Amino acid sequence: MRAAVFHAPEDIRYAEVETPTAGAGELLLRVRAATICGTDLRIFHGRKTKGVRTPSIIGHEFAGEIIDVGSGVSGFELGDGVAMDPVIPCLRCDYCKQGRENLCANRTAMGYEYDGAFAEYMRIPATGVAAGNVYKLAPGTSWEQAALAEPLACCLNGQENAEVGIGDSVVVMGAGPIGLMHLQLARVAGARQVIVSEPNARRRELARSLGAEVVIDPGSEDLVEAVRAHCDGLGADVAIVAIGLPVLVNQAFEVVRKQGRVNLFAGFTKGETAAIDPNLIHYNELHVTGASALTRRQYERSLRLIEAGVIAAGELVTHRLALQDIGEAFALAESGDGVKVAIRHD
């Protein structure tokens, strides 16, 4: 089969590799769509290394068609369209027992410990099948939409940590694919208004079309003043940092009101630090959370929201390229010209 093989930072090659097979308890998929995640870009540039092997096939946002079913597997048939929560929990550690399997001490993942989706075919390991990480798609769900259930579920985790709910005023900092998903989820949760801060004009317009009441260009407006002007002079209830820029952390603390909630959703490059005024947290009694991965519950809920058309996942895919154009696809995903870039396998 053909695959995009990651050999080292800045070195990913389209090449012929051995086609995997489905062993006992496993599934073999023909990948029909895979989307590029910001984490894939961080791996490519060597800024994320945990769990990453070389050479290996990365890519963890995907959907595909079952072409082989290993012995002992029930509930799946040839031709089934499926998507998968790529993070496989051990189900035995303390975190898993507490229902926080996204924090599993022994988790493994597609695109990391197991070869991922930037390939024609991929093998789903028995641990993933047995844990219930593979979900059948509802009729009419596009491959691209299903591939986006994973990042949407990660966003849902962040929203739950920030307790976004009815009547909240929510600021989303960054209108890339993650920020635009947070925007839509906040609307679903009952937020009374969503304010999006984004320097890219095209992305600001997309945010507006997806339901943002207020869109701010932080390059030409004072973000804190603009938010307060729309929030009774006090600040928002919730701020979500949807892009991994340390300079945004302190700003997020400033745009929320007293006892506001801040979710540092985006991953930051290892070693980068943010200058934080601790008094903003201390005297304003702020609630600050992070967000790590997703649970199977959040994945299934996100997939069903997409299938029902509640989340306009398809609106986020702006470019579609073939697997052999993986280098161009990565460049597009990083340039800001694209929002979500899909690798098609028609």
Protein backbone atom coordinates (compact mmCIF):
# COMPACT_ATOMS: atom_id res chain seq x y z
CA MET A 1 0.00 0.00 0.00
CA ARG A 2 1.00 3.66 -0.24
CA ALA A 3 1.48 5.73 2.89
CA ALA A 4 2.99 8.94 4.16
CA VAL A 5 5.76 7.76 6.47
CA PHE A 6 7.14 10.02 9.18
CA HIS A 7 10.90 9.46 9.48
CA ALA A 8 12.09 12.46 11.48
CA PRO A 9 11.15 16.08 12.12
CA GLU A 10 10.55 17.82 8.77
CA ASP A 11 10.83 14.45 7.00
CA ILE A 12 7.61 12.75 5.87
CA ARG A 13 7.70 10.64 2.69
CA TYR A 14 5.07 9.19 0.39
CA ALA A 15 6.18 5.60 -0.11
CA GLU A 16 5.20 1.99 -0.68
CA VAL A 17 4.95 0.00 2.57
CA GLU A 18 3.64 -3.40 3.57
CA THR A 19 -0.15 -3.64 3.72
CA PRO A 20 -1.31 -4.63 7.23
CA THR A 21 -3.60 -7.58 7.88
CA ALA A 22 -6.30 -8.17 10.47
CA GLY A 23 -5.25 -10.65 13.14
CA ALA A 24 -7.41 -12.17 15.85
CA GLY A 25 -9.68 -9.56 17.39
CA GLU A 26 -8.66 -6.89 14.87
CA LEU A 27 -10.20 -4.92 12.02
CA LEU A 28 -8.66 -3.74 8.77
CA LEU A 29 -9.95 -0.48 7.31
CA ARG A 30 -9.66 1.15 3.97
CA VAL A 31 -9.12 4.75 4.99
CA ARG A 32 -11.67 6.94 3.23
CA ALA A 33 -10.81 10.30 4.82
CA ALA A 34 -8.24 11.58 7.27
CA THR A 35 -7.92 15.16 8.48
CA ILE A 36 -4.80 16.98 9.59
CA CYS A 37 -4.64 17.99 13.23
CA GLY A 38 -2.49 20.70 14.78
CA THR A 39 -0.88 17.90 16.76
CA ASP A 40 0.20 16.24 13.51
CA LEU A 41 1.95 19.48 12.59
CA ARG A 42 3.66 19.61 15.99
CA ILE A 43 4.87 16.03 15.47
CA PHE A 44 6.12 16.92 11.99
CA HIS A 45 8.16 19.82 13.35
CA GLY A 46 9.51 17.81 16.29
CA ARG A 47 7.63 19.85 18.88
CA LYS A 48 5.69 16.82 20.14
CA THR A 49 7.54 13.58 20.76
CA LYS A 50 5.68 11.61 23.45
CA GLY A 51 4.52 8.27 22.05
CA VAL A 52 5.85 9.09 18.57
CA ARG A 53 7.89 6.41 16.78
CA THR A 54 10.13 6.69 13.74
CA PRO A 55 9.58 5.53 11.14
CA SER A 56 5.83 5.35 11.56
CA ILE A 57 2.54 6.46 10.04
CA ILE A 58 0.84 9.28 11.91
CA GLY A 59 -2.70 10.65 11.61
CA HIS A 60 -5.46 10.04 14.16
CA GLU A 61 -8.58 11.78 12.76
CA PHE A 62 -10.14 9.34 10.31
CA ALA A 63 -13.05 7.31 9.04
CA GLY A 64 -13.04 4.29 6.82
CA GLU A 65 -14.62 1.15 5.47
CA ILE A 66 -14.07 -2.30 6.98
CA ILE A 67 -12.42 -4.63 4.47
CA ASP A 68 -11.39 -7.47 6.80
CA VAL A 69 -12.65 -8.75 10.13
CA GLY A 70 -10.31 -10.77 12.33
CA SER A 71 -11.35 -13.96 14.07
CA GLY A 72 -13.32 -13.48 17.25
CA VAL A 73 -14.70 -10.06 16.30
CA SER A 74 -18.48 -9.67 16.40
CA GLY A 75 -20.75 -6.78 15.57
CA PHE A 76 -18.87 -5.64 12.46
CA GLU A 77 -19.16 -6.74 8.85
CA LEU A 78 -17.32 -6.14 5.61
CA GLY A 79 -18.36 -2.84 4.10
CA ASP A 80 -19.37 -1.17 7.36
CA GLY A 81 -18.47 2.50 7.53
CA VAL A 82 -16.81 3.29 10.84
CA ALA A 83 -14.94 5.96 12.76
CA MET A 84 -12.80 5.51 15.84
CA ASP A 85 -11.87 7.20 19.07
CA PRO A 86 -8.10 6.88 18.57
CA VAL A 87 -7.18 7.01 22.28
CA ILE A 88 -7.39 3.50 23.73
CA PRO A 89 -7.68 3.41 27.54
CA CYS A 90 -6.36 0.55 29.65
CA LEU A 91 -9.59 0.53 31.72
CA ARG A 92 -7.60 -0.64 34.77
CA CYS A 93 -5.67 2.36 36.14
CA ASP A 94 -7.03 4.71 38.81
CA TYR A 95 -7.94 7.37 36.25
CA CYS A 96 -9.95 4.92 34.14
CA LYS A 97 -11.75 3.62 37.22
CA GLN A 98 -12.71 7.20 38.09
CA GLY A 99 -14.20 7.73 34.62
CA ARG A 100 -11.32 9.94 33.47
CA GLU A 101 -10.01 7.58 30.83
CA ASN A 102 -8.71 10.53 28.82
CA LEU A 103 -6.06 10.79 31.56
CA CYS A 104 -5.31 7.03 31.47
CA ALA A 105 -1.84 6.29 32.77
CA ASN A 106 -1.34 3.53 30.19
CA ARG A 107 -3.26 4.81 27.18
CA THR A 108 -2.17 4.04 23.64
CA ALA A 109 -3.31 5.73 20.46
CA MET A 110 -3.65 5.41 16.73
CA GLY A 111 -1.03 7.49 14.97
CA TYR A 112 1.33 7.04 17.91
CA GLU A 113 1.88 3.55 19.31
CA TYR A 114 -0.13 2.16 16.38
CA ASP A 115 0.25 3.22 12.76
CA GLY A 116 -2.28 5.86 11.80
CA ALA A 117 -4.45 7.14 9.02
CA PHE A 118 -2.13 8.77 6.49
CA ALA A 119 -2.16 5.54 4.52
CA GLU A 120 -4.44 3.59 2.21
CA TYR A 121 -5.21 0.98 4.88
CA MET A 122 -4.90 0.78 8.65
CA ARG A 123 -5.17 -1.97 11.21
CA ILE A 124 -7.32 -1.42 14.30
CA PRO A 125 -5.70 -3.36 17.18
CA ALA A 126 -7.65 -5.84 19.27
CA THR A 127 -7.39 -3.59 22.34
CA GLY A 128 -9.23 -0.82 20.49
CA VAL A 129 -11.93 -3.14 19.18
CA ALA A 130 -12.45 -4.80 22.57
CA ALA A 131 -12.61 -1.46 24.40
CA GLY A 132 -15.44 -0.30 22.15
CA ASN A 133 -13.51 2.51 20.47
CA VAL A 134 -14.91 1.75 16.99
CA TYR A 135 -18.31 3.18 16.02
CA LYS A 136 -20.51 2.47 13.03
CA LEU A 137 -21.58 5.50 11.02
CA ALA A 138 -25.19 6.50 10.47
CA PRO A 139 -26.32 6.40 6.83
CA GLY A 140 -25.55 9.61 4.98
CA THR A 141 -22.63 10.64 7.19
CA SER A 142 -19.72 11.75 5.03
CA TRP A 143 -16.27 10.34 5.65
CA GLU A 144 -14.84 13.81 6.28
CA GLN A 145 -17.52 14.70 8.80
CA ALA A 146 -16.96 11.46 10.68
CA ALA A 147 -13.20 12.04 10.78
CA LEU A 148 -13.85 15.27 12.68
CA ALA A 149 -15.60 13.54 15.58
CA GLU A 150 -12.24 13.15 17.34
CA PRO A 151 -11.27 16.83 17.55
CA LEU A 152 -14.88 17.73 18.37
CA ALA A 153 -14.81 15.28 21.28
CA CYS A 154 -11.59 16.86 22.56
CA CYS A 155 -13.36 20.24 22.42
CA LEU A 156 -16.31 18.77 24.29
CA ASN A 157 -13.91 17.70 27.02
CA GLY A 158 -12.62 21.27 27.32
CA GLN A 159 -16.16 22.67 27.38
CA GLU A 160 -17.17 20.28 30.14
CA ASN A 161 -14.09 21.22 32.15
CA ALA A 162 -15.03 24.90 31.79
CA GLU A 163 -18.67 24.09 32.61
CA VAL A 164 -20.04 26.04 29.66
CA GLY A 165 -23.79 26.29 30.04
CA ILE A 166 -27.06 28.11 29.60
CA GLY A 167 -26.80 31.90 29.64
CA ASP A 168 -23.00 32.06 29.57
CA SER A 169 -21.03 34.63 27.66
CA VAL A 170 -18.10 32.78 26.09
CA VAL A 171 -14.92 34.12 24.52
CA VAL A 172 -13.12 31.81 22.08
CA MET A 173 -9.56 32.90 21.35
CA GLY A 174 -8.62 31.62 17.90
CA ALA A 175 -10.92 30.66 15.02
CA GLY A 176 -9.03 27.77 13.54
CA PRO A 177 -10.87 24.45 13.33
CA ILE A 178 -10.66 23.97 17.09
CA GLY A 179 -11.96 27.45 17.88
CA LEU A 180 -14.81 27.05 15.40
CA MET A 181 -15.79 23.76 17.03
CA HIS A 182 -15.75 25.43 20.46
CA LEU A 183 -17.97 28.17 19.05
CA GLN A 184 -20.55 25.66 17.87
CA LEU A 185 -20.45 23.58 21.04
CA ALA A 186 -20.94 26.68 23.18
CA ARG A 187 -24.05 27.50 21.16
CA VAL A 188 -25.34 23.95 21.65
CA ALA A 189 -24.68 24.25 25.41
CA GLY A 190 -26.92 27.31 25.61
CA ALA A 191 -24.45 30.19 25.69
CA ARG A 192 -26.26 33.52 25.31
CA GLN A 193 -23.41 34.93 23.24
CA VAL A 194 -20.11 33.73 21.80
CA ILE A 195 -17.33 36.23 21.15
CA VAL A 196 -14.56 35.09 18.82
CA SER A 197 -11.12 36.70 18.64
CA GLU A 198 -9.20 35.96 15.44
CA PRO A 199 -6.69 37.98 13.36
CA ASN A 200 -7.45 36.17 10.07
CA ALA A 201 -10.28 37.93 8.17
CA ARG A 202 -11.48 34.79 6.36
CA ARG A 203 -11.74 32.88 9.62
CA ARG A 204 -13.57 35.75 11.29
CA GLU A 205 -16.20 35.61 8.57
CA LEU A 206 -16.52 31.85 8.97
CA ALA A 207 -16.96 32.32 12.73
CA ARG A 208 -19.72 34.83 12.07
CA SER A 209 -21.47 32.45 9.66
CA LEU A 210 -21.34 29.68 12.28
CA GLY A 211 -23.10 31.73 14.92
CA ALA A 212 -20.65 34.08 16.65
CA GLU A 213 -22.52 37.17 17.85
CA VAL A 214 -19.33 39.20 18.14
CA VAL A 215 -16.14 38.83 16.10
CA ILE A 216 -13.01 40.74 17.11
CA ASP A 217 -9.76 41.41 15.27
CA PRO A 218 -7.19 41.50 18.11
CA GLY A 219 -4.72 43.20 15.78
CA SER A 220 -6.85 46.32 15.51
CA GLU A 221 -8.95 46.25 18.68
CA ASP A 222 -8.16 45.99 22.38
CA LEU A 223 -9.52 42.53 23.15
CA VAL A 224 -10.16 43.13 26.86
CA GLU A 225 -12.01 46.39 26.27
CA ALA A 226 -14.00 44.94 23.39
CA VAL A 227 -15.12 41.93 25.44
CA ARG A 228 -16.14 44.04 28.42
CA ALA A 229 -18.12 46.33 26.15
CA HIS A 230 -20.29 43.34 25.24
CA CYS A 231 -20.42 41.88 28.77
CA ASP A 232 -21.86 44.61 30.98
CA GLY A 233 -18.39 46.03 31.60
CA LEU A 234 -17.49 43.01 33.72
CA GLY A 235 -16.04 40.44 31.35
CA ALA A 236 -17.16 37.08 29.99
CA ASP A 237 -18.18 34.06 32.03
CA VAL A 238 -15.83 31.75 30.13
CA ALA A 239 -12.69 32.12 28.02
CA ILE A 240 -11.31 29.27 25.93
CA VAL A 241 -7.76 29.49 24.57
CA ALA A 242 -8.08 27.56 21.31
CA ILE A 243 -4.60 28.20 19.93
CA GLY A 244 -1.35 27.36 21.69
CA LEU A 245 0.17 30.83 22.05
CA PRO A 246 1.51 31.53 25.55
CA VAL A 247 0.87 35.27 25.14
CA LEU A 248 -2.87 34.54 25.17
CA VAL A 249 -2.90 32.97 28.63
CA ASN A 250 -2.74 36.20 30.62
CA GLN A 251 -5.21 37.82 28.21
CA ALA A 252 -7.66 35.02 28.88
CA PHE A 253 -7.48 35.79 32.60
CA GLU A 254 -8.21 39.44 31.86
CA VAL A 255 -11.25 38.96 29.62
CA VAL A 256 -13.31 37.02 32.18
CA ARG A 257 -15.26 38.44 35.10
CA LYS A 258 -14.65 37.59 38.74
CA GLN A 259 -15.08 33.86 39.33
CA GLY A 260 -14.85 33.40 35.58
CA ARG A 261 -13.70 30.12 34.06
CA VAL A 262 -10.69 29.81 31.76
CA ASN A 263 -9.92 26.67 29.80
CA LEU A 264 -6.40 26.41 28.40
CA PHE A 265 -7.53 24.03 25.70
CA ALA A 266 -4.75 24.21 23.12
CA GLY A 267 -1.53 22.30 23.52
CA PHE A 268 1.63 24.36 23.95
CA THR A 269 5.08 23.49 22.70
CA LYS A 270 7.12 21.79 25.40
CA GLY A 271 9.40 24.26 27.14
CA GLU A 272 7.32 27.32 26.29
CA THR A 273 6.10 29.30 29.27
CA ALA A 274 3.62 32.12 29.76
CA ALA A 275 4.02 35.26 31.85
CA ILE A 276 1.10 35.06 34.26
CA ASP A 277 -0.09 37.63 36.77
CA PRO A 278 -1.14 35.34 39.66
CA ASN A 279 -3.15 38.15 41.24
CA LEU A 280 -5.63 37.91 38.38
CA ILE A 281 -6.37 34.37 39.49
CA HIS A 282 -6.09 35.03 43.22
CA TYR A 283 -8.18 38.16 43.69
CA ASN A 284 -10.70 37.39 40.95
CA GLU A 285 -11.16 33.81 42.16
CA LEU A 286 -10.74 32.44 38.64
CA HIS A 287 -11.25 28.78 37.83
CA VAL A 288 -8.53 27.59 35.44
CA THR A 289 -8.59 24.19 33.73
CA GLY A 290 -6.72 22.38 31.00
CA ALA A 291 -7.90 19.74 28.53
CA SER A 292 -6.30 16.44 27.63
CA ALA A 293 -7.64 14.18 24.88
CA LEU A 294 -11.15 12.67 25.13
CA THR A 295 -13.24 9.87 26.53
CA ARG A 296 -15.24 7.29 24.61
CA ARG A 297 -18.44 8.89 25.93
CA GLN A 298 -17.40 12.26 24.55
CA TYR A 299 -16.40 10.71 21.24
CA GLU A 300 -19.72 8.96 20.73
CA ARG A 301 -21.66 12.08 21.71
CA SER A 302 -19.64 14.17 19.25
CA LEU A 303 -20.09 11.68 16.43
CA ARG A 304 -23.85 11.67 16.98
CA LEU A 305 -23.97 15.50 17.05
CA ILE A 306 -22.24 15.52 13.67
CA GLU A 307 -24.50 12.81 12.25
CA ALA A 308 -27.57 14.77 13.38
CA GLY A 309 -26.31 17.93 11.70
CA VAL A 310 -26.18 19.82 15.00
CA ILE A 311 -22.50 20.58 14.41
CA ALA A 312 -21.60 21.81 10.92
CA ALA A 313 -18.40 19.81 10.70
CA GLY A 314 -18.35 19.82 6.90
CA GLU A 315 -18.16 23.63 6.85
CA LEU A 316 -14.69 23.42 8.39
CA VAL A 317 -13.10 21.42 5.56
CA THR A 318 -11.69 23.97 3.12
CA HIS A 319 -9.14 21.87 1.20
CA ARG A 320 -8.98 18.27 0.00
CA LEU A 321 -5.76 16.72 -1.25
CA ALA A 322 -4.58 13.27 -2.24
CA LEU A 323 -2.25 11.25 -0.04
CA GLN A 324 0.73 11.80 -2.34
CA ASP A 325 0.35 15.54 -1.72
CA ILE A 326 0.90 15.19 2.04
CA GLY A 327 3.64 17.84 2.08
CA GLU A 328 1.41 20.40 0.39
CA ALA A 329 -1.44 19.42 2.70
CA PHE A 330 0.67 20.05 5.80
CA ALA A 331 1.78 23.41 4.42
CA LEU A 332 -1.82 24.42 3.75
CA ALA A 333 -2.96 23.36 7.21
CA GLU A 334 -0.23 25.48 8.75
CA SER A 335 -0.55 28.52 6.50
CA GLY A 336 -3.87 29.85 7.73
CA ASP A 337 -5.26 29.68 4.19
CA GLY A 338 -6.89 26.39 5.05
CA VAL A 339 -9.13 25.75 8.05
CA LYS A 340 -9.36 21.97 8.05
CA VAL A 341 -7.42 20.04 5.41
CA ALA A 342 -8.59 16.54 4.48
CA ILE A 343 -6.62 13.73 2.87
CA ARG A 344 -8.99 11.97 0.51
CA HIS A 345 -8.76 8.32 -0.51
CA ASP A 346 -11.35 8.11 -3.29
